[in-house]
Amino acid sequence: MKILFCGDVVARPGREVVSKLLPGLRRKTRADFVIVNGENAADDGLGLTLPAYRGILDAGADAVTMGNHTFDKPEILPAMDDPHLVRPLNYPARTPGHGFYIREVKGVRVCVLQLLGSLWMKGAGESPFAAADAFIKAHRADYDILIVDFHAEATSEKIAMGYCLDGRAALVVGTHTHVPTADARILPKGTGYITDAGMCGDGNSVIGMTPETAISRFIGVEKRLASADGEGSFCGVLVDADARTGLARGITPVSAGIPLAKKDKV
């Protein structure tokens, strides 16, 4: 079974590139199931609005994951009961919404689980490692394939989670830092892994924000961050999962429209 994961959608450029490219990418990759991280899809790049959520679903997403900006837009609260919308499992008890989603596709039960990192991140009510272990212990009989969106800041924590879940998930994909990493691989026990899938947003930006406002935060003349408004680029990852074993047979980064450096003539 092929599962396409789309990196964090940031503001208007991200929404537009997903609407434009996702249907074709789904056909081209023959993806059976599509997951999109949508926690930055609002116009200002912080949170998710109801129109943005509906637009991502209309573009072909089967599940939409969130992250540390889950509740930045209060208007999303009524949608938190929608099983397609997945917020971090390790949020404090009684947090609205669902931390996982299980759907049967072609006779295969696919589970989407999201965890929030604990290093330099706010909001986690429980260790993501403990939450993952408890979830698998309680629900392993309920799914055939497990996909984990680990929304975390530290690369070390993401890699540690990959090895923690190696042999127990088909894919552990890092989100939140918005920059695609070059370490897509299958771990020793069969789990597909990438530290960050990248983002769907303005490719000429600082993780989706305008360079000017981002730079100001580093030089002591801080301005309010503003979402970039240029042409969108697309980043994600495709995993080929074996329903019999629940592990990965292959993992491939997927990208389109990313600005590349001009090569010197030889």
C-alpha atoms as a PDB file:
ATOM      1  CA  MET A   1       0.000   0.000   0.000  1.00  0.00           C
ATOM      2  CA  LYS A   2       1.330   3.420  -0.981  1.00  0.00           C
ATOM      3  CA  ILE A   3       0.840   6.305   1.423  1.00  0.00           C
ATOM      4  CA  LEU A   4       1.679   9.912   0.527  1.00  0.00           C
ATOM      5  CA  PHE A   5       2.508  12.312   3.350  1.00  0.00           C
ATOM      6  CA  CYS A   6       2.516  16.052   2.567  1.00  0.00           C
ATOM      7  CA  GLY A   7       4.673  18.354   4.685  1.00  0.00           C
ATOM      8  CA  ASP A   8       3.334  21.263   6.742  1.00  0.00           C
ATOM      9  CA  VAL A   9       1.014  23.464   4.664  1.00  0.00           C
ATOM     10  CA  VAL A  10       1.903  27.108   5.315  1.00  0.00           C
ATOM     11  CA  ALA A  11      -0.523  29.956   4.539  1.00  0.00           C
ATOM     12  CA  ARG A  12      -1.971  30.757   1.126  1.00  0.00           C
ATOM     13  CA  PRO A  13       0.987  29.521  -0.971  1.00  0.00           C
ATOM     14  CA  GLY A  14       0.848  26.150   0.770  1.00  0.00           C
ATOM     15  CA  ARG A  15      -2.901  25.791   0.369  1.00  0.00           C
ATOM     16  CA  GLU A  16      -2.743  26.708  -3.292  1.00  0.00           C
ATOM     17  CA  VAL A  17       0.119  24.368  -4.161  1.00  0.00           C
ATOM     18  CA  VAL A  18      -1.646  21.488  -2.406  1.00  0.00           C
ATOM     19  CA  SER A  19      -4.904  22.213  -4.245  1.00  0.00           C
ATOM     20  CA  LYS A  20      -3.037  22.463  -7.532  1.00  0.00           C
ATOM     21  CA  LEU A  21      -0.620  19.533  -7.261  1.00  0.00           C
ATOM     22  CA  LEU A  22      -2.026  16.980  -4.842  1.00  0.00           C
ATOM     23  CA  PRO A  23      -4.645  15.437  -7.155  1.00  0.00           C
ATOM     24  CA  GLY A  24      -2.023  14.851  -9.861  1.00  0.00           C
ATOM     25  CA  LEU A  25       0.594  13.624  -7.403  1.00  0.00           C
ATOM     26  CA  ARG A  26      -1.885  11.173  -5.976  1.00  0.00           C
ATOM     27  CA  ARG A  27      -2.469   9.744  -9.444  1.00  0.00           C
ATOM     28  CA  LYS A  28       1.219   9.797 -10.396  1.00  0.00           C
ATOM     29  CA  THR A  29       2.392   8.062  -7.217  1.00  0.00           C
ATOM     30  CA  ARG A  30      -0.664   5.772  -7.148  1.00  0.00           C
ATOM     31  CA  ALA A  31      -1.135   6.701  -3.512  1.00  0.00           C
ATOM     32  CA  ASP A  32      -3.882   4.767  -1.756  1.00  0.00           C
ATOM     33  CA  PHE A  33      -3.973   7.110   1.218  1.00  0.00           C
ATOM     34  CA  VAL A  34      -2.930  10.755   1.665  1.00  0.00           C
ATOM     35  CA  ILE A  35      -2.011  12.562   4.881  1.00  0.00           C
ATOM     36  CA  VAL A  36      -1.443  16.331   5.042  1.00  0.00           C
ATOM     37  CA  ASN A  37      -0.053  18.298   7.977  1.00  0.00           C
ATOM     38  CA  GLY A  38      -2.301  21.370   8.091  1.00  0.00           C
ATOM     39  CA  GLU A  39      -1.502  23.157  11.337  1.00  0.00           C
ATOM     40  CA  ASN A  40      -0.010  26.212   9.587  1.00  0.00           C
ATOM     41  CA  ALA A  41      -2.571  26.541   6.780  1.00  0.00           C
ATOM     42  CA  ALA A  42      -4.253  29.733   8.064  1.00  0.00           C
ATOM     43  CA  ASP A  43      -3.428  32.972   6.240  1.00  0.00           C
ATOM     44  CA  ASP A  44      -0.941  34.021   8.909  1.00  0.00           C
ATOM     45  CA  GLY A  45       0.693  30.582   9.010  1.00  0.00           C
ATOM     46  CA  LEU A  46      -0.454  29.888  12.562  1.00  0.00           C
ATOM     47  CA  GLY A  47      -3.241  27.392  13.046  1.00  0.00           C
ATOM     48  CA  LEU A  48      -5.968  26.024  10.800  1.00  0.00           C
ATOM     49  CA  THR A  49      -9.234  27.669   9.736  1.00  0.00           C
ATOM     50  CA  LEU A  50     -12.368  25.801   8.723  1.00  0.00           C
ATOM     51  CA  PRO A  51     -12.162  26.890   5.037  1.00  0.00           C
ATOM     52  CA  ALA A  52      -8.501  25.838   4.890  1.00  0.00           C
ATOM     53  CA  TYR A  53      -9.351  22.474   6.443  1.00  0.00           C
ATOM     54  CA  ARG A  54     -12.155  21.848   3.961  1.00  0.00           C
ATOM     55  CA  GLY A  55      -9.869  22.901   1.097  1.00  0.00           C
ATOM     56  CA  ILE A  56      -7.215  20.366   2.095  1.00  0.00           C
ATOM     57  CA  LEU A  57      -9.824  17.605   2.258  1.00  0.00           C
ATOM     58  CA  ASP A  58     -11.248  18.673  -1.110  1.00  0.00           C
ATOM     59  CA  ALA A  59      -7.752  18.466  -2.616  1.00  0.00           C
ATOM     60  CA  GLY A  60      -7.643  14.768  -1.739  1.00  0.00           C
ATOM     61  CA  ALA A  61      -6.391  14.399   1.832  1.00  0.00           C
ATOM     62  CA  ASP A  62      -7.723  11.406   3.764  1.00  0.00           C
ATOM     63  CA  ALA A  63      -6.352  12.706   7.070  1.00  0.00           C
ATOM     64  CA  VAL A  64      -5.071  16.077   8.292  1.00  0.00           C
ATOM     65  CA  THR A  65      -2.562  16.189  11.132  1.00  0.00           C
ATOM     66  CA  MET A  66      -1.898  19.164  13.375  1.00  0.00           C
ATOM     67  CA  GLY A  67       0.802  20.107  15.931  1.00  0.00           C
ATOM     68  CA  ASN A  68       1.720  22.820  18.413  1.00  0.00           C
ATOM     69  CA  HIS A  69      -0.529  25.368  16.638  1.00  0.00           C
ATOM     70  CA  THR A  70      -3.608  23.138  16.797  1.00  0.00           C
ATOM     71  CA  PHE A  71      -5.730  25.608  18.744  1.00  0.00           C
ATOM     72  CA  ASP A  72      -4.306  28.916  17.490  1.00  0.00           C
ATOM     73  CA  LYS A  73      -7.551  29.477  15.574  1.00  0.00           C
ATOM     74  CA  PRO A  74     -10.488  28.865  17.951  1.00  0.00           C
ATOM     75  CA  GLU A  75     -12.835  28.478  14.982  1.00  0.00           C
ATOM     76  CA  ILE A  76     -11.364  25.008  14.383  1.00  0.00           C
ATOM     77  CA  LEU A  77     -12.804  23.716  17.662  1.00  0.00           C
ATOM     78  CA  PRO A  78     -16.099  22.478  16.129  1.00  0.00           C
ATOM     79  CA  ALA A  79     -14.100  20.394  13.633  1.00  0.00           C
ATOM     80  CA  MET A  80     -12.041  18.653  16.313  1.00  0.00           C
ATOM     81  CA  ASP A  81     -14.695  15.938  16.534  1.00  0.00           C
ATOM     82  CA  ASP A  82     -14.076  15.072  12.876  1.00  0.00           C
ATOM     83  CA  PRO A  83     -12.056  11.822  12.903  1.00  0.00           C
ATOM     84  CA  HIS A  84     -10.098  12.952   9.815  1.00  0.00           C
ATOM     85  CA  LEU A  85      -8.492  15.735  11.893  1.00  0.00           C
ATOM     86  CA  VAL A  86      -5.685  14.381  14.090  1.00  0.00           C
ATOM     87  CA  ARG A  87      -4.057  16.420  16.869  1.00  0.00           C
ATOM     88  CA  PRO A  88      -1.131  15.290  19.049  1.00  0.00           C
ATOM     89  CA  LEU A  89      -2.006  12.212  21.080  1.00  0.00           C
ATOM     90  CA  ASN A  90       0.120  13.349  24.037  1.00  0.00           C
ATOM     91  CA  TYR A  91      -1.746  16.594  24.647  1.00  0.00           C
ATOM     92  CA  PRO A  92      -3.081  16.841  28.208  1.00  0.00           C
ATOM     93  CA  ALA A  93      -6.074  14.709  29.152  1.00  0.00           C
ATOM     94  CA  ARG A  94      -9.480  16.108  28.110  1.00  0.00           C
ATOM     95  CA  THR A  95      -8.003  18.093  25.217  1.00  0.00           C
ATOM     96  CA  PRO A  96     -10.636  18.253  22.451  1.00  0.00           C
ATOM     97  CA  GLY A  97     -10.118  16.086  19.406  1.00  0.00           C
ATOM     98  CA  HIS A  98      -8.481  12.804  18.509  1.00  0.00           C
ATOM     99  CA  GLY A  99      -4.834  11.754  18.623  1.00  0.00           C
ATOM    100  CA  PHE A 100      -5.220   9.054  15.984  1.00  0.00           C
ATOM    101  CA  TYR A 101      -7.418   7.989  13.076  1.00  0.00           C
ATOM    102  CA  ILE A 102      -7.975   4.487  11.726  1.00  0.00           C
ATOM    103  CA  ARG A 103      -9.480   3.937   8.284  1.00  0.00           C
ATOM    104  CA  GLU A 104      -9.855   0.834   6.168  1.00  0.00           C
ATOM    105  CA  VAL A 105      -8.583   1.201   2.602  1.00  0.00           C
ATOM    106  CA  LYS A 106      -8.821  -1.703   0.185  1.00  0.00           C
ATOM    107  CA  GLY A 107      -9.231  -4.060   3.111  1.00  0.00           C
ATOM    108  CA  VAL A 108      -6.182  -2.653   4.926  1.00  0.00           C
ATOM    109  CA  ARG A 109      -6.566  -0.762   8.214  1.00  0.00           C
ATOM    110  CA  VAL A 110      -4.367   2.347   8.146  1.00  0.00           C
ATOM    111  CA  CYS A 111      -3.726   4.190  11.404  1.00  0.00           C
ATOM    112  CA  VAL A 112      -2.512   7.801  11.499  1.00  0.00           C
ATOM    113  CA  LEU A 113      -0.999   8.809  14.838  1.00  0.00           C
ATOM    114  CA  GLN A 114       0.468  12.164  15.815  1.00  0.00           C
ATOM    115  CA  LEU A 115       2.860  12.897  18.657  1.00  0.00           C
ATOM    116  CA  LEU A 116       4.233  16.225  19.899  1.00  0.00           C
ATOM    117  CA  GLY A 117       7.902  16.537  20.811  1.00  0.00           C
ATOM    118  CA  SER A 118       9.005  17.442  24.315  1.00  0.00           C
ATOM    119  CA  LEU A 119      12.217  19.406  23.584  1.00  0.00           C
ATOM    120  CA  TRP A 120      11.700  23.159  23.032  1.00  0.00           C
ATOM    121  CA  MET A 121       8.002  22.598  22.370  1.00  0.00           C
ATOM    122  CA  LYS A 122       5.011  23.714  24.412  1.00  0.00           C
ATOM    123  CA  GLY A 123       1.836  21.765  24.978  1.00  0.00           C
ATOM    124  CA  ALA A 124       2.872  18.154  25.470  1.00  0.00           C
ATOM    125  CA  GLY A 125       1.226  16.700  28.540  1.00  0.00           C
ATOM    126  CA  GLU A 126       3.032  13.363  28.417  1.00  0.00           C
ATOM    127  CA  SER A 127       6.290  12.017  27.028  1.00  0.00           C
ATOM    128  CA  PRO A 128       5.750  11.208  23.343  1.00  0.00           C
ATOM    129  CA  PHE A 129       7.746   8.006  23.847  1.00  0.00           C
ATOM    130  CA  ALA A 130       5.519   6.835  26.690  1.00  0.00           C
ATOM    131  CA  ALA A 131       2.416   7.832  24.744  1.00  0.00           C
ATOM    132  CA  ALA A 132       3.568   5.878  21.682  1.00  0.00           C
ATOM    133  CA  ASP A 133       4.317   2.760  23.718  1.00  0.00           C
ATOM    134  CA  ALA A 134       0.958   2.908  25.496  1.00  0.00           C
ATOM    135  CA  PHE A 135      -0.921   3.473  22.245  1.00  0.00           C
ATOM    136  CA  ILE A 136       0.677   0.526  20.467  1.00  0.00           C
ATOM    137  CA  LYS A 137       0.087  -1.733  23.452  1.00  0.00           C
ATOM    138  CA  ALA A 138      -3.597  -0.771  23.563  1.00  0.00           C
ATOM    139  CA  HIS A 139      -4.378  -0.640  19.827  1.00  0.00           C
ATOM    140  CA  ARG A 140      -2.000  -2.952  17.946  1.00  0.00           C
ATOM    141  CA  ALA A 141      -4.837  -5.327  17.076  1.00  0.00           C
ATOM    142  CA  ASP A 142      -6.888  -2.485  15.579  1.00  0.00           C
ATOM    143  CA  TYR A 143      -4.691  -1.606  12.577  1.00  0.00           C
ATOM    144  CA  ASP A 144      -2.429  -3.165   9.930  1.00  0.00           C
ATOM    145  CA  ILE A 145      -0.261  -0.158   9.059  1.00  0.00           C
ATOM    146  CA  LEU A 146       0.844   2.603  11.449  1.00  0.00           C
ATOM    147  CA  ILE A 147       1.951   6.037  10.218  1.00  0.00           C
ATOM    148  CA  VAL A 148       3.385   8.387  12.848  1.00  0.00           C
ATOM    149  CA  ASP A 149       3.666  12.150  12.350  1.00  0.00           C
ATOM    150  CA  PHE A 150       6.183  13.280  14.983  1.00  0.00           C
ATOM    151  CA  HIS A 151       5.818  17.044  15.315  1.00  0.00           C
ATOM    152  CA  ALA A 152       9.051  18.062  17.019  1.00  0.00           C
ATOM    153  CA  GLU A 153      11.800  20.679  17.023  1.00  0.00           C
ATOM    154  CA  ALA A 154      14.920  18.658  17.850  1.00  0.00           C
ATOM    155  CA  THR A 155      16.392  16.400  15.198  1.00  0.00           C
ATOM    156  CA  SER A 156      17.836  14.197  17.932  1.00  0.00           C
ATOM    157  CA  GLU A 157      14.391  13.617  19.431  1.00  0.00           C
ATOM    158  CA  LYS A 158      12.953  12.801  16.008  1.00  0.00           C
ATOM    159  CA  ILE A 159      15.705  10.294  15.232  1.00  0.00           C
ATOM    160  CA  ALA A 160      15.312   8.733  18.664  1.00  0.00           C
ATOM    161  CA  MET A 161      11.597   8.291  18.006  1.00  0.00           C
ATOM    162  CA  GLY A 162      12.377   6.631  14.702  1.00  0.00           C
ATOM    163  CA  TYR A 163      14.506   4.021  16.427  1.00  0.00           C
ATOM    164  CA  CYS A 164      12.021   3.700  19.300  1.00  0.00           C
ATOM    165  CA  LEU A 165       9.301   2.755  16.805  1.00  0.00           C
ATOM    166  CA  ASP A 166      11.527   0.821  14.405  1.00  0.00           C
ATOM    167  CA  GLY A 167       9.788  -2.442  13.610  1.00  0.00           C
ATOM    168  CA  ARG A 168       6.492  -1.147  15.025  1.00  0.00           C
ATOM    169  CA  ALA A 169       5.459   1.447  12.417  1.00  0.00           C
ATOM    170  CA  ALA A 170       5.534   1.646   8.647  1.00  0.00           C
ATOM    171  CA  LEU A 171       6.604   5.307   8.726  1.00  0.00           C
ATOM    172  CA  VAL A 172       7.868   7.816  11.263  1.00  0.00           C
ATOM    173  CA  VAL A 173       7.857  11.216   9.576  1.00  0.00           C
ATOM    174  CA  GLY A 174       9.119  14.384  11.212  1.00  0.00           C
ATOM    175  CA  THR A 175       7.229  17.656  10.838  1.00  0.00           C
ATOM    176  CA  HIS A 176       7.370  21.202  12.302  1.00  0.00           C
ATOM    177  CA  THR A 177      10.778  22.435  11.138  1.00  0.00           C
ATOM    178  CA  HIS A 178       9.601  22.850   7.512  1.00  0.00           C
ATOM    179  CA  VAL A 179      12.954  22.025   5.862  1.00  0.00           C
ATOM    180  CA  PRO A 180      13.162  18.710   3.974  1.00  0.00           C
ATOM    181  CA  THR A 181      15.990  16.516   5.212  1.00  0.00           C
ATOM    182  CA  ALA A 182      18.131  14.197   3.116  1.00  0.00           C
ATOM    183  CA  ASP A 183      17.898  11.154   5.391  1.00  0.00           C
ATOM    184  CA  ALA A 184      14.869   9.275   4.057  1.00  0.00           C
ATOM    185  CA  ARG A 185      15.633   5.607   4.660  1.00  0.00           C
ATOM    186  CA  ILE A 186      14.366   2.322   6.034  1.00  0.00           C
ATOM    187  CA  LEU A 187      15.636   1.680   9.549  1.00  0.00           C
ATOM    188  CA  PRO A 188      17.171  -1.704  10.488  1.00  0.00           C
ATOM    189  CA  LYS A 189      13.894  -3.285  11.647  1.00  0.00           C
ATOM    190  CA  GLY A 190      11.851  -2.072   8.686  1.00  0.00           C
ATOM    191  CA  THR A 191      10.370   1.326   9.551  1.00  0.00           C
ATOM    192  CA  GLY A 192      10.492   4.091   6.950  1.00  0.00           C
ATOM    193  CA  TYR A 193      11.943   7.275   8.404  1.00  0.00           C
ATOM    194  CA  ILE A 194      12.691  10.908   7.536  1.00  0.00           C
ATOM    195  CA  THR A 195      13.631  13.635  10.023  1.00  0.00           C
ATOM    196  CA  ASP A 196      11.481  16.256   8.293  1.00  0.00           C
ATOM    197  CA  ALA A 197       9.214  16.027   5.271  1.00  0.00           C
ATOM    198  CA  GLY A 198       9.572  19.751   4.574  1.00  0.00           C
ATOM    199  CA  MET A 199       6.699  22.130   3.919  1.00  0.00           C
ATOM    200  CA  CYS A 200       4.177  23.092   1.302  1.00  0.00           C
ATOM    201  CA  GLY A 201       4.593  26.860   1.125  1.00  0.00           C
ATOM    202  CA  ASP A 202       6.558  29.757  -0.341  1.00  0.00           C
ATOM    203  CA  GLY A 203       9.929  28.308  -1.332  1.00  0.00           C
ATOM    204  CA  ASN A 204      11.604  31.722  -1.083  1.00  0.00           C
ATOM    205  CA  SER A 205      10.904  32.243   2.600  1.00  0.00           C
ATOM    206  CA  VAL A 206      12.130  31.413   6.082  1.00  0.00           C
ATOM    207  CA  ILE A 207      10.062  28.317   6.852  1.00  0.00           C
ATOM    208  CA  GLY A 208       7.039  30.017   5.321  1.00  0.00           C
ATOM    209  CA  MET A 209       7.560  33.495   6.758  1.00  0.00           C
ATOM    210  CA  THR A 210       8.957  36.591   5.045  1.00  0.00           C
ATOM    211  CA  PRO A 211      12.755  36.837   5.336  1.00  0.00           C
ATOM    212  CA  GLU A 212      12.526  40.422   6.616  1.00  0.00           C
ATOM    213  CA  THR A 213      10.339  39.633   9.620  1.00  0.00           C
ATOM    214  CA  ALA A 214      12.226  36.412  10.349  1.00  0.00           C
ATOM    215  CA  ILE A 215      15.610  38.184  10.286  1.00  0.00           C
ATOM    216  CA  SER A 216      14.329  40.840  12.677  1.00  0.00           C
ATOM    217  CA  ARG A 217      13.907  38.192  15.365  1.00  0.00           C
ATOM    218  CA  PHE A 218      17.628  37.431  15.218  1.00  0.00           C
ATOM    219  CA  ILE A 219      19.020  40.975  15.231  1.00  0.00           C
ATOM    220  CA  GLY A 220      17.143  42.432  18.179  1.00  0.00           C
ATOM    221  CA  VAL A 221      14.619  44.570  16.277  1.00  0.00           C
ATOM    222  CA  GLU A 222      11.809  42.059  16.436  1.00  0.00           C
ATOM    223  CA  LYS A 223       8.814  42.490  14.142  1.00  0.00           C
ATOM    224  CA  ARG A 224       5.639  40.464  14.044  1.00  0.00           C
ATOM    225  CA  LEU A 225       6.167  37.457  11.788  1.00  0.00           C
ATOM    226  CA  ALA A 226       4.375  37.737   8.459  1.00  0.00           C
ATOM    227  CA  SER A 227       3.602  34.770   6.231  1.00  0.00           C
ATOM    228  CA  ALA A 228       5.340  34.841   2.854  1.00  0.00           C
ATOM    229  CA  ASP A 229       3.090  35.262  -0.150  1.00  0.00           C
ATOM    230  CA  GLY A 230       5.131  34.034  -3.117  1.00  0.00           C
ATOM    231  CA  GLU A 231       4.775  30.974  -5.291  1.00  0.00           C
ATOM    232  CA  GLY A 232       4.279  27.742  -3.399  1.00  0.00           C
ATOM    233  CA  SER A 233       6.465  24.649  -3.504  1.00  0.00           C
ATOM    234  CA  PHE A 234       5.528  21.129  -2.438  1.00  0.00           C
ATOM    235  CA  CYS A 235       7.404  18.724  -0.171  1.00  0.00           C
ATOM    236  CA  GLY A 236       6.416  15.347   1.158  1.00  0.00           C
ATOM    237  CA  VAL A 237       7.312  11.685   1.270  1.00  0.00           C
ATOM    238  CA  LEU A 238       5.870   8.498  -0.200  1.00  0.00           C
ATOM    239  CA  VAL A 239       6.076   5.225   1.686  1.00  0.00           C
ATOM    240  CA  ASP A 240       5.309   1.808   0.233  1.00  0.00           C
ATOM    241  CA  ALA A 241       3.979  -0.210   3.176  1.00  0.00           C
ATOM    242  CA  ASP A 242       3.481  -3.967   3.364  1.00  0.00           C
ATOM    243  CA  ALA A 243       0.092  -4.700   4.939  1.00  0.00           C
ATOM    244  CA  ARG A 244       1.213  -8.201   5.922  1.00  0.00           C
ATOM    245  CA  THR A 245       4.163  -7.042   8.021  1.00  0.00           C
ATOM    246  CA  GLY A 246       3.154  -3.461   8.742  1.00  0.00           C
ATOM    247  CA  LEU A 247       6.617  -2.321   7.648  1.00  0.00           C
ATOM    248  CA  ALA A 248       8.065  -0.263   4.802  1.00  0.00           C
ATOM    249  CA  ARG A 249       9.197  -1.711   1.482  1.00  0.00           C
ATOM    250  CA  GLY A 250      10.367   1.668   0.216  1.00  0.00           C
ATOM    251  CA  ILE A 251      10.424   5.388   1.010  1.00  0.00           C
ATOM    252  CA  THR A 252      10.817   8.238  -1.478  1.00  0.00           C
ATOM    253  CA  PRO A 253      10.890  12.018  -0.936  1.00  0.00           C
ATOM    254  CA  VAL A 254       8.431  13.879  -3.161  1.00  0.00           C
ATOM    255  CA  SER A 255       8.915  17.508  -4.145  1.00  0.00           C
ATOM    256  CA  ALA A 256       7.853  20.025  -6.766  1.00  0.00           C
ATOM    257  CA  GLY A 257       8.551  23.693  -7.390  1.00  0.00           C
ATOM    258  CA  ILE A 258      11.425  24.068  -4.924  1.00  0.00           C
ATOM    259  CA  PRO A 259      13.762  26.931  -5.928  1.00  0.00           C
ATOM    260  CA  LEU A 260      17.186  25.489  -6.711  1.00  0.00           C
ATOM    261  CA  ALA A 261      20.563  27.165  -6.816  1.00  0.00           C
ATOM    262  CA  LYS A 262      21.885  27.960 -10.289  1.00  0.00           C
ATOM    263  CA  LYS A 263      24.722  25.678 -11.280  1.00  0.00           C
ATOM    264  CA  ASP A 264      28.025  27.147 -12.400  1.00  0.00           C
ATOM    265  CA  LYS A 265      29.005  26.381 -15.959  1.00  0.00           C
ATOM    266  CA  VAL A 266      31.898  23.950 -16.237  1.00  0.00           C
END
